[in-house]
Amino acid sequence: MKPIRKAVFPVAGLGTRFLPATKAIPKEMLPVVDRPLIQYAVDEAREAGIEQMIFVTGRGKSAIEDHFDIAFELEKTMSERGKDLSVLEPTRLGPGNCAYVRQQEPLGLGHAIWCARDIVGDEPFAIFLPDEFMHGTPGCMKQMVDAYHKVGGNLISVLEVPHEQVSSYGVITPGAQDGALTEVRGLVEKPKVEEAPSNLIVSGRYILQPEVMRVLQRQEKGAGGEIQLTDAMAEMIGSQAFHAVTFDGARYDCGSKAGYIQANLAVALERPDIAGDVRAFALDLLK
């Protein structure tokens, strides 16, 4: 069983739901309190023991590369003024710890993952969708890597939602259960409520075997005229072990405005430096 050393972050999207804020700033750089979304995802990957971060970017995403680079002028000025530089430590990714590849056409999530095939190589890898903000201790990917060490194969993170909401998500057909682990017997993208096989939705974290790249190589366009990762994973079910891990934590959909505000509020209320003021303001506002 090969270890999970690499993670792919598909960050080429245009972020149209957050315009005009994302006209010049990638949506992955929008902050939750004082850290951008992409930083939370990278920190989660590091906690899980992942060594190399692979960013699948597009035009206008240079801010992500700048964020994980050394800011010499900023650090020199802070040092001269006696400021604490440790706040910048998580933002430093050395040349051997990150790679960038471009998705030149918006052909879907499956295509974005396929763009990273040469860097991933012939080993299992993780996938993070940064606007799916997974909040918990230990992190979602750490929980998944621990499960991977037990069962191997392919894993996806899932969450339970009210049954009437399933048509907005990818949904699994569940098999045998063992605690937080559930055998995956099928996957369906955005089913009708009455046809959904369960209320367990796919929630933006994956561990996949390298064979998925060969499936994506010949994958035809699916829903929305895009190459869907869900279709490729569904094809692998039955030929390889496939499990879901129910995440013990909270998920915030930071691809939506309401979910983004919820994430900021939830994180702020856990921060000792600002929790009191935020809570007092929220209670006053709700009156």
C-alpha atoms as a PDB file:
ATOM      1  CA  MET A   1       0.000   0.000   0.000  1.00  0.00           C
ATOM      2  CA  LYS A   2       1.671   3.170  -1.212  1.00  0.00           C
ATOM      3  CA  PRO A   3       1.461   6.239   1.064  1.00  0.00           C
ATOM      4  CA  ILE A   4      -0.499   9.356   0.092  1.00  0.00           C
ATOM      5  CA  ARG A   5       2.251  11.873  -0.681  1.00  0.00           C
ATOM      6  CA  LYS A   6       0.603  14.149  -3.244  1.00  0.00           C
ATOM      7  CA  ALA A   7      -2.548  16.262  -3.339  1.00  0.00           C
ATOM      8  CA  VAL A   8      -4.267  17.952  -6.263  1.00  0.00           C
ATOM      9  CA  PHE A   9      -6.066  21.266  -5.757  1.00  0.00           C
ATOM     10  CA  PRO A  10      -8.285  22.187  -8.750  1.00  0.00           C
ATOM     11  CA  VAL A  11      -8.343  25.985  -8.517  1.00  0.00           C
ATOM     12  CA  ALA A  12      -8.938  27.103 -12.119  1.00  0.00           C
ATOM     13  CA  GLY A  13     -12.592  28.132 -11.649  1.00  0.00           C
ATOM     14  CA  LEU A  14     -13.734  31.681 -12.405  1.00  0.00           C
ATOM     15  CA  GLY A  15     -15.628  32.245  -9.149  1.00  0.00           C
ATOM     16  CA  THR A  16     -18.552  33.935 -10.912  1.00  0.00           C
ATOM     17  CA  ARG A  17     -20.883  33.536  -7.919  1.00  0.00           C
ATOM     18  CA  PHE A  18     -18.714  35.978  -5.942  1.00  0.00           C
ATOM     19  CA  LEU A  19     -18.383  38.698  -8.548  1.00  0.00           C
ATOM     20  CA  PRO A  20     -17.318  41.471  -8.382  1.00  0.00           C
ATOM     21  CA  ALA A  21     -15.121  40.404  -5.423  1.00  0.00           C
ATOM     22  CA  THR A  22     -13.466  37.714  -7.563  1.00  0.00           C
ATOM     23  CA  LYS A  23     -12.887  39.841 -10.664  1.00  0.00           C
ATOM     24  CA  ALA A  24      -9.222  40.330  -9.741  1.00  0.00           C
ATOM     25  CA  ILE A  25      -8.830  37.956  -6.762  1.00  0.00           C
ATOM     26  CA  PRO A  26      -9.202  34.155  -7.033  1.00  0.00           C
ATOM     27  CA  LYS A  27     -12.116  32.856  -4.965  1.00  0.00           C
ATOM     28  CA  GLU A  28      -9.651  30.492  -3.268  1.00  0.00           C
ATOM     29  CA  MET A  29      -7.932  33.570  -1.823  1.00  0.00           C
ATOM     30  CA  LEU A  30     -11.076  34.847  -0.106  1.00  0.00           C
ATOM     31  CA  PRO A  31     -10.320  34.867   3.632  1.00  0.00           C
ATOM     32  CA  VAL A  32     -12.124  33.005   6.371  1.00  0.00           C
ATOM     33  CA  VAL A  33     -11.298  35.447   9.181  1.00  0.00           C
ATOM     34  CA  ASP A  34      -7.586  35.912   8.388  1.00  0.00           C
ATOM     35  CA  ARG A  35      -6.554  32.902   6.284  1.00  0.00           C
ATOM     36  CA  PRO A  36      -7.546  32.319   2.652  1.00  0.00           C
ATOM     37  CA  LEU A  37      -9.568  29.240   1.778  1.00  0.00           C
ATOM     38  CA  ILE A  38      -6.647  27.662  -0.069  1.00  0.00           C
ATOM     39  CA  GLN A  39      -4.452  27.986   3.029  1.00  0.00           C
ATOM     40  CA  TYR A  40      -6.930  26.004   5.132  1.00  0.00           C
ATOM     41  CA  ALA A  41      -6.911  23.235   2.499  1.00  0.00           C
ATOM     42  CA  VAL A  42      -3.098  23.126   2.360  1.00  0.00           C
ATOM     43  CA  ASP A  43      -2.874  23.055   6.164  1.00  0.00           C
ATOM     44  CA  GLU A  44      -5.332  20.140   6.185  1.00  0.00           C
ATOM     45  CA  ALA A  45      -3.152  18.313   3.648  1.00  0.00           C
ATOM     46  CA  ARG A  46      -0.016  18.859   5.711  1.00  0.00           C
ATOM     47  CA  GLU A  47      -1.732  17.556   8.845  1.00  0.00           C
ATOM     48  CA  ALA A  48      -2.491  14.365   6.905  1.00  0.00           C
ATOM     49  CA  GLY A  49       1.188  13.886   6.030  1.00  0.00           C
ATOM     50  CA  ILE A  50       0.952  15.006   2.407  1.00  0.00           C
ATOM     51  CA  GLU A  51       4.232  16.363   1.066  1.00  0.00           C
ATOM     52  CA  GLN A  52       3.583  17.786  -2.413  1.00  0.00           C
ATOM     53  CA  MET A  53       0.788  20.206  -3.334  1.00  0.00           C
ATOM     54  CA  ILE A  54      -0.254  20.287  -7.008  1.00  0.00           C
ATOM     55  CA  PHE A  55      -2.317  23.325  -7.998  1.00  0.00           C
ATOM     56  CA  VAL A  56      -4.316  23.132 -11.239  1.00  0.00           C
ATOM     57  CA  THR A  57      -4.703  26.809 -12.060  1.00  0.00           C
ATOM     58  CA  GLY A  58      -5.983  29.043 -14.845  1.00  0.00           C
ATOM     59  CA  ARG A  59      -5.602  32.601 -16.067  1.00  0.00           C
ATOM     60  CA  GLY A  60      -5.690  35.218 -13.303  1.00  0.00           C
ATOM     61  CA  LYS A  61      -4.637  32.821 -10.530  1.00  0.00           C
ATOM     62  CA  SER A  62      -1.113  34.151  -9.946  1.00  0.00           C
ATOM     63  CA  ALA A  63      -2.136  35.357  -6.467  1.00  0.00           C
ATOM     64  CA  ILE A  64      -2.159  31.720  -5.335  1.00  0.00           C
ATOM     65  CA  GLU A  65       1.447  31.262  -6.448  1.00  0.00           C
ATOM     66  CA  ASP A  66       2.418  34.542  -4.782  1.00  0.00           C
ATOM     67  CA  HIS A  67       0.721  33.494  -1.551  1.00  0.00           C
ATOM     68  CA  PHE A  68       2.841  30.346  -1.237  1.00  0.00           C
ATOM     69  CA  ASP A  69       6.066  32.087  -2.255  1.00  0.00           C
ATOM     70  CA  ILE A  70       8.533  33.998  -0.083  1.00  0.00           C
ATOM     71  CA  ALA A  71       7.618  37.705   0.155  1.00  0.00           C
ATOM     72  CA  PHE A  72      11.117  39.076   0.646  1.00  0.00           C
ATOM     73  CA  GLU A  73      10.211  42.778   0.984  1.00  0.00           C
ATOM     74  CA  LEU A  74       7.361  42.071   3.398  1.00  0.00           C
ATOM     75  CA  GLU A  75       9.448  39.772   5.586  1.00  0.00           C
ATOM     76  CA  LYS A  76      12.419  42.145   5.615  1.00  0.00           C
ATOM     77  CA  THR A  77      10.223  45.073   6.648  1.00  0.00           C
ATOM     78  CA  MET A  78       8.483  43.044   9.357  1.00  0.00           C
ATOM     79  CA  SER A  79      11.821  41.812  10.687  1.00  0.00           C
ATOM     80  CA  GLU A  80      13.241  45.337  10.843  1.00  0.00           C
ATOM     81  CA  ARG A  81      10.173  46.459  12.804  1.00  0.00           C
ATOM     82  CA  GLY A  82      10.411  43.573  15.242  1.00  0.00           C
ATOM     83  CA  LYS A  83       7.207  41.903  13.996  1.00  0.00           C
ATOM     84  CA  ASP A  84       6.565  38.194  14.487  1.00  0.00           C
ATOM     85  CA  LEU A  85       7.244  36.333  11.225  1.00  0.00           C
ATOM     86  CA  SER A  86       5.755  33.030  12.397  1.00  0.00           C
ATOM     87  CA  VAL A  87       2.360  34.054  11.020  1.00  0.00           C
ATOM     88  CA  LEU A  88       3.824  33.659   7.516  1.00  0.00           C
ATOM     89  CA  GLU A  89       5.413  30.248   8.107  1.00  0.00           C
ATOM     90  CA  PRO A  90       2.417  28.208   6.838  1.00  0.00           C
ATOM     91  CA  THR A  91       2.447  30.152   3.566  1.00  0.00           C
ATOM     92  CA  ARG A  92       5.914  28.996   2.526  1.00  0.00           C
ATOM     93  CA  LEU A  93       5.972  26.069   0.106  1.00  0.00           C
ATOM     94  CA  GLY A  94       9.434  25.242  -1.201  1.00  0.00           C
ATOM     95  CA  PRO A  95      10.107  24.232  -4.840  1.00  0.00           C
ATOM     96  CA  GLY A  96       9.980  20.544  -3.954  1.00  0.00           C
ATOM     97  CA  ASN A  97       6.679  20.891  -2.108  1.00  0.00           C
ATOM     98  CA  CYS A  98       4.495  22.489  -4.748  1.00  0.00           C
ATOM     99  CA  ALA A  99       3.834  22.379  -8.476  1.00  0.00           C
ATOM    100  CA  TYR A 100       1.567  24.361 -10.764  1.00  0.00           C
ATOM    101  CA  VAL A 101      -0.120  23.215 -13.955  1.00  0.00           C
ATOM    102  CA  ARG A 102      -2.695  25.047 -16.075  1.00  0.00           C
ATOM    103  CA  GLN A 103      -6.118  23.893 -17.145  1.00  0.00           C
ATOM    104  CA  GLN A 104      -6.418  25.828 -20.382  1.00  0.00           C
ATOM    105  CA  GLU A 105     -10.086  25.039 -21.021  1.00  0.00           C
ATOM    106  CA  PRO A 106     -12.984  24.868 -18.530  1.00  0.00           C
ATOM    107  CA  LEU A 107     -13.870  21.247 -19.267  1.00  0.00           C
ATOM    108  CA  GLY A 108     -14.887  20.172 -15.776  1.00  0.00           C
ATOM    109  CA  LEU A 109     -13.459  18.759 -12.560  1.00  0.00           C
ATOM    110  CA  GLY A 110     -12.474  15.463 -14.142  1.00  0.00           C
ATOM    111  CA  HIS A 111     -10.453  17.275 -16.801  1.00  0.00           C
ATOM    112  CA  ALA A 112      -8.779  19.455 -14.147  1.00  0.00           C
ATOM    113  CA  ILE A 113      -7.610  16.352 -12.278  1.00  0.00           C
ATOM    114  CA  TRP A 114      -6.401  14.764 -15.518  1.00  0.00           C
ATOM    115  CA  CYS A 115      -4.249  17.865 -16.191  1.00  0.00           C
ATOM    116  CA  ALA A 116      -2.122  16.847 -13.162  1.00  0.00           C
ATOM    117  CA  ARG A 117      -1.467  13.301 -14.432  1.00  0.00           C
ATOM    118  CA  ASP A 118       2.245  13.742 -15.210  1.00  0.00           C
ATOM    119  CA  ILE A 119       3.006  15.160 -11.757  1.00  0.00           C
ATOM    120  CA  VAL A 120       0.862  12.612  -9.907  1.00  0.00           C
ATOM    121  CA  GLY A 121       2.541   9.739 -11.712  1.00  0.00           C
ATOM    122  CA  ASP A 122       1.779   6.136 -10.799  1.00  0.00           C
ATOM    123  CA  GLU A 123       0.784   6.534  -7.171  1.00  0.00           C
ATOM    124  CA  PRO A 124      -2.390   7.210  -5.174  1.00  0.00           C
ATOM    125  CA  PHE A 125      -3.180  10.842  -4.471  1.00  0.00           C
ATOM    126  CA  ALA A 126      -5.583  13.110  -2.632  1.00  0.00           C
ATOM    127  CA  ILE A 127      -7.931  15.728  -4.078  1.00  0.00           C
ATOM    128  CA  PHE A 128      -9.102  18.850  -2.238  1.00  0.00           C
ATOM    129  CA  LEU A 129     -11.901  21.145  -3.389  1.00  0.00           C
ATOM    130  CA  PRO A 130     -10.922  24.277  -1.427  1.00  0.00           C
ATOM    131  CA  ASP A 131     -14.344  25.926  -1.441  1.00  0.00           C
ATOM    132  CA  GLU A 132     -15.645  22.901   0.479  1.00  0.00           C
ATOM    133  CA  PHE A 133     -14.484  24.162   3.877  1.00  0.00           C
ATOM    134  CA  MET A 134     -14.123  21.111   6.126  1.00  0.00           C
ATOM    135  CA  HIS A 135     -13.783  22.172   9.749  1.00  0.00           C
ATOM    136  CA  GLY A 136     -12.881  19.726  12.493  1.00  0.00           C
ATOM    137  CA  THR A 137     -10.120  18.113  14.559  1.00  0.00           C
ATOM    138  CA  PRO A 138      -8.505  16.033  13.286  1.00  0.00           C
ATOM    139  CA  GLY A 139      -9.003  17.360   9.776  1.00  0.00           C
ATOM    140  CA  CYS A 140     -11.068  15.575   7.164  1.00  0.00           C
ATOM    141  CA  MET A 141      -8.083  14.325   5.146  1.00  0.00           C
ATOM    142  CA  LYS A 142      -6.330  13.044   8.273  1.00  0.00           C
ATOM    143  CA  GLN A 143      -9.436  10.995   9.053  1.00  0.00           C
ATOM    144  CA  MET A 144      -9.429   9.687   5.475  1.00  0.00           C
ATOM    145  CA  VAL A 145      -5.716   8.803   5.453  1.00  0.00           C
ATOM    146  CA  ASP A 146      -6.178   6.888   8.718  1.00  0.00           C
ATOM    147  CA  ALA A 147      -9.022   4.956   7.056  1.00  0.00           C
ATOM    148  CA  TYR A 148      -6.902   4.393   3.938  1.00  0.00           C
ATOM    149  CA  HIS A 149      -4.240   2.683   6.045  1.00  0.00           C
ATOM    150  CA  LYS A 150      -6.918   0.184   7.102  1.00  0.00           C
ATOM    151  CA  VAL A 151      -8.693  -0.584   3.816  1.00  0.00           C
ATOM    152  CA  GLY A 152      -6.596   0.903   0.961  1.00  0.00           C
ATOM    153  CA  GLY A 153      -8.192   1.470  -2.436  1.00  0.00           C
ATOM    154  CA  ASN A 154     -10.241   4.583  -3.125  1.00  0.00           C
ATOM    155  CA  LEU A 155     -11.986   6.750  -0.553  1.00  0.00           C
ATOM    156  CA  ILE A 156     -14.301   9.741  -0.631  1.00  0.00           C
ATOM    157  CA  SER A 157     -15.546  11.899   2.211  1.00  0.00           C
ATOM    158  CA  VAL A 158     -19.305  12.005   2.757  1.00  0.00           C
ATOM    159  CA  LEU A 159     -21.770  13.796   4.991  1.00  0.00           C
ATOM    160  CA  GLU A 160     -25.386  13.140   5.876  1.00  0.00           C
ATOM    161  CA  VAL A 161     -27.877  15.783   4.728  1.00  0.00           C
ATOM    162  CA  PRO A 162     -31.672  16.004   4.906  1.00  0.00           C
ATOM    163  CA  HIS A 163     -33.064  13.782   2.142  1.00  0.00           C
ATOM    164  CA  GLU A 164     -34.836  16.674   0.432  1.00  0.00           C
ATOM    165  CA  GLN A 165     -31.436  18.321  -0.266  1.00  0.00           C
ATOM    166  CA  VAL A 166     -29.745  15.426  -2.084  1.00  0.00           C
ATOM    167  CA  SER A 167     -30.535  16.666  -5.611  1.00  0.00           C
ATOM    168  CA  SER A 168     -27.869  19.361  -5.197  1.00  0.00           C
ATOM    169  CA  TYR A 169     -24.997  16.902  -4.668  1.00  0.00           C
ATOM    170  CA  GLY A 170     -23.260  13.712  -5.712  1.00  0.00           C
ATOM    171  CA  VAL A 171     -24.773  10.839  -3.727  1.00  0.00           C
ATOM    172  CA  ILE A 172     -23.430   7.353  -2.947  1.00  0.00           C
ATOM    173  CA  THR A 173     -25.176   4.000  -3.081  1.00  0.00           C
ATOM    174  CA  PRO A 174     -24.094   2.539   0.279  1.00  0.00           C
ATOM    175  CA  GLY A 175     -23.104  -1.023   1.074  1.00  0.00           C
ATOM    176  CA  ALA A 176     -21.769  -2.523   4.289  1.00  0.00           C
ATOM    177  CA  GLN A 177     -20.955  -0.120   7.119  1.00  0.00           C
ATOM    178  CA  ASP A 178     -18.223  -0.272   9.748  1.00  0.00           C
ATOM    179  CA  GLY A 179     -18.338   2.775  11.978  1.00  0.00           C
ATOM    180  CA  ALA A 180     -17.458   5.826   9.879  1.00  0.00           C
ATOM    181  CA  LEU A 181     -16.559   3.606   6.896  1.00  0.00           C
ATOM    182  CA  THR A 182     -19.198   2.738   4.293  1.00  0.00           C
ATOM    183  CA  GLU A 183     -18.705   0.546   1.244  1.00  0.00           C
ATOM    184  CA  VAL A 184     -19.523   2.465  -1.949  1.00  0.00           C
ATOM    185  CA  ARG A 185     -21.506   0.442  -4.483  1.00  0.00           C
ATOM    186  CA  GLY A 186     -22.449   3.297  -6.777  1.00  0.00           C
ATOM    187  CA  LEU A 187     -22.338   7.053  -7.359  1.00  0.00           C
ATOM    188  CA  VAL A 188     -24.933   9.305  -8.915  1.00  0.00           C
ATOM    189  CA  GLU A 189     -24.609  13.031  -9.616  1.00  0.00           C
ATOM    190  CA  LYS A 190     -27.505  15.248  -8.459  1.00  0.00           C
ATOM    191  CA  PRO A 191     -30.295  12.637  -8.448  1.00  0.00           C
ATOM    192  CA  LYS A 192     -33.970  13.437  -8.115  1.00  0.00           C
ATOM    193  CA  VAL A 193     -35.034  13.277  -4.479  1.00  0.00           C
ATOM    194  CA  GLU A 194     -37.289  10.288  -5.062  1.00  0.00           C
ATOM    195  CA  GLU A 195     -34.507   8.402  -6.908  1.00  0.00           C
ATOM    196  CA  ALA A 196     -31.598   9.115  -4.534  1.00  0.00           C
ATOM    197  CA  PRO A 197     -30.000   5.905  -3.187  1.00  0.00           C
ATOM    198  CA  SER A 198     -29.118   7.534   0.164  1.00  0.00           C
ATOM    199  CA  ASN A 199     -28.663  10.864   1.912  1.00  0.00           C
ATOM    200  CA  LEU A 200     -24.845  10.527   2.013  1.00  0.00           C
ATOM    201  CA  ILE A 201     -23.363  13.248  -0.190  1.00  0.00           C
ATOM    202  CA  VAL A 202     -19.835  13.510  -1.573  1.00  0.00           C
ATOM    203  CA  SER A 203     -18.139  16.412   0.202  1.00  0.00           C
ATOM    204  CA  GLY A 204     -15.037  17.569  -1.597  1.00  0.00           C
ATOM    205  CA  ARG A 205     -12.222  15.272  -0.391  1.00  0.00           C
ATOM    206  CA  TYR A 206     -10.954  12.205  -2.237  1.00  0.00           C
ATOM    207  CA  ILE A 207      -8.170   9.615  -2.148  1.00  0.00           C
ATOM    208  CA  LEU A 208      -7.909   7.927  -5.544  1.00  0.00           C
ATOM    209  CA  GLN A 209      -5.705   5.325  -7.134  1.00  0.00           C
ATOM    210  CA  PRO A 210      -3.717   6.369 -10.244  1.00  0.00           C
ATOM    211  CA  GLU A 211      -5.927   4.230 -12.513  1.00  0.00           C
ATOM    212  CA  VAL A 212      -8.483   7.053 -12.406  1.00  0.00           C
ATOM    213  CA  MET A 213      -6.201   9.035 -14.723  1.00  0.00           C
ATOM    214  CA  ARG A 214      -6.486   6.319 -17.382  1.00  0.00           C
ATOM    215  CA  VAL A 215     -10.257   6.347 -17.025  1.00  0.00           C
ATOM    216  CA  LEU A 216     -10.328  10.136 -17.373  1.00  0.00           C
ATOM    217  CA  GLN A 217      -8.108   9.868 -20.472  1.00  0.00           C
ATOM    218  CA  ARG A 218     -11.010   8.311 -22.391  1.00  0.00           C
ATOM    219  CA  GLN A 219     -13.861   9.837 -20.404  1.00  0.00           C
ATOM    220  CA  GLU A 220     -16.622  11.410 -22.497  1.00  0.00           C
ATOM    221  CA  LYS A 221     -18.405  14.579 -21.475  1.00  0.00           C
ATOM    222  CA  GLY A 222     -21.177  14.088 -18.971  1.00  0.00           C
ATOM    223  CA  ALA A 223     -23.543  16.398 -17.083  1.00  0.00           C
ATOM    224  CA  GLY A 224     -23.231  20.035 -18.105  1.00  0.00           C
ATOM    225  CA  GLY A 225     -21.091  19.116 -21.103  1.00  0.00           C
ATOM    226  CA  GLU A 226     -18.093  18.615 -18.800  1.00  0.00           C
ATOM    227  CA  ILE A 227     -15.802  15.692 -17.978  1.00  0.00           C
ATOM    228  CA  GLN A 228     -17.126  14.586 -14.608  1.00  0.00           C
ATOM    229  CA  LEU A 229     -14.905  13.068 -11.931  1.00  0.00           C
ATOM    230  CA  THR A 230     -17.973  11.316 -10.511  1.00  0.00           C
ATOM    231  CA  ASP A 231     -18.443   9.370 -13.773  1.00  0.00           C
ATOM    232  CA  ALA A 232     -14.818   8.205 -13.714  1.00  0.00           C
ATOM    233  CA  MET A 233     -15.065   7.087 -10.085  1.00  0.00           C
ATOM    234  CA  ALA A 234     -18.331   5.267 -10.787  1.00  0.00           C
ATOM    235  CA  GLU A 235     -16.590   3.279 -13.516  1.00  0.00           C
ATOM    236  CA  MET A 236     -13.899   2.147 -11.058  1.00  0.00           C
ATOM    237  CA  ILE A 237     -16.381   0.822  -8.510  1.00  0.00           C
ATOM    238  CA  GLY A 238     -16.345  -2.962  -8.602  1.00  0.00           C
ATOM    239  CA  SER A 239     -12.826  -3.243  -9.974  1.00  0.00           C
ATOM    240  CA  GLN A 240     -11.138  -1.670  -6.928  1.00  0.00           C
ATOM    241  CA  ALA A 241     -11.975  -1.227  -3.256  1.00  0.00           C
ATOM    242  CA  PHE A 242     -14.128   1.880  -2.798  1.00  0.00           C
ATOM    243  CA  HIS A 243     -15.198   3.308   0.556  1.00  0.00           C
ATOM    244  CA  ALA A 244     -16.710   6.470   1.966  1.00  0.00           C
ATOM    245  CA  VAL A 245     -15.604   8.103   5.214  1.00  0.00           C
ATOM    246  CA  THR A 246     -18.282  10.033   7.094  1.00  0.00           C
ATOM    247  CA  PHE A 247     -16.482  13.172   8.227  1.00  0.00           C
ATOM    248  CA  ASP A 248     -16.617  13.866  11.948  1.00  0.00           C
ATOM    249  CA  GLY A 249     -16.797  17.646  11.728  1.00  0.00           C
ATOM    250  CA  ALA A 250     -18.594  20.512  10.020  1.00  0.00           C
ATOM    251  CA  ARG A 251     -18.758  21.402   6.320  1.00  0.00           C
ATOM    252  CA  TYR A 252     -19.384  24.866   4.942  1.00  0.00           C
ATOM    253  CA  ASP A 253     -20.064  25.411   1.258  1.00  0.00           C
ATOM    254  CA  CYS A 254     -17.857  28.435   0.634  1.00  0.00           C
ATOM    255  CA  GLY A 255     -18.835  28.351  -3.024  1.00  0.00           C
ATOM    256  CA  SER A 256     -22.062  30.007  -1.879  1.00  0.00           C
ATOM    257  CA  LYS A 257     -22.361  33.380  -0.184  1.00  0.00           C
ATOM    258  CA  ALA A 258     -24.399  32.045   2.734  1.00  0.00           C
ATOM    259  CA  GLY A 259     -21.983  29.165   3.350  1.00  0.00           C
ATOM    260  CA  TYR A 260     -19.014  31.528   3.203  1.00  0.00           C
ATOM    261  CA  ILE A 261     -20.541  33.830   5.825  1.00  0.00           C
ATOM    262  CA  GLN A 262     -21.397  30.822   8.013  1.00  0.00           C
ATOM    263  CA  ALA A 263     -17.771  29.623   7.850  1.00  0.00           C
ATOM    264  CA  ASN A 264     -16.463  33.041   8.878  1.00  0.00           C
ATOM    265  CA  LEU A 265     -18.876  33.219  11.803  1.00  0.00           C
ATOM    266  CA  ALA A 266     -18.122  29.675  12.975  1.00  0.00           C
ATOM    267  CA  VAL A 267     -14.349  30.177  12.882  1.00  0.00           C
ATOM    268  CA  ALA A 268     -14.572  33.628  14.477  1.00  0.00           C
ATOM    269  CA  LEU A 269     -16.558  32.228  17.414  1.00  0.00           C
ATOM    270  CA  GLU A 270     -13.713  29.753  18.086  1.00  0.00           C
ATOM    271  CA  ARG A 271     -10.994  32.399  18.102  1.00  0.00           C
ATOM    272  CA  PRO A 272     -10.151  33.589  21.637  1.00  0.00           C
ATOM    273  CA  ASP A 273      -8.919  36.964  20.344  1.00  0.00           C
ATOM    274  CA  ILE A 274     -12.222  37.942  18.709  1.00  0.00           C
ATOM    275  CA  ALA A 275     -14.899  35.471  19.864  1.00  0.00           C
ATOM    276  CA  GLY A 276     -16.281  37.697  22.617  1.00  0.00           C
ATOM    277  CA  ASP A 277     -16.737  40.740  20.393  1.00  0.00           C
ATOM    278  CA  VAL A 278     -18.222  38.718  17.526  1.00  0.00           C
ATOM    279  CA  ARG A 279     -20.654  36.889  19.788  1.00  0.00           C
ATOM    280  CA  ALA A 280     -21.807  40.144  21.434  1.00  0.00           C
ATOM    281  CA  PHE A 281     -22.280  41.771  18.035  1.00  0.00           C
ATOM    282  CA  ALA A 282     -24.208  38.784  16.647  1.00  0.00           C
ATOM    283  CA  LEU A 283     -26.537  38.651  19.651  1.00  0.00           C
ATOM    284  CA  ASP A 284     -27.149  42.409  19.431  1.00  0.00           C
ATOM    285  CA  LEU A 285     -27.788  42.161  15.687  1.00  0.00           C
ATOM    286  CA  LEU A 286     -30.286  39.327  16.119  1.00  0.00           C
ATOM    287  CA  LYS A 287     -32.307  41.358  18.611  1.00  0.00           C
END
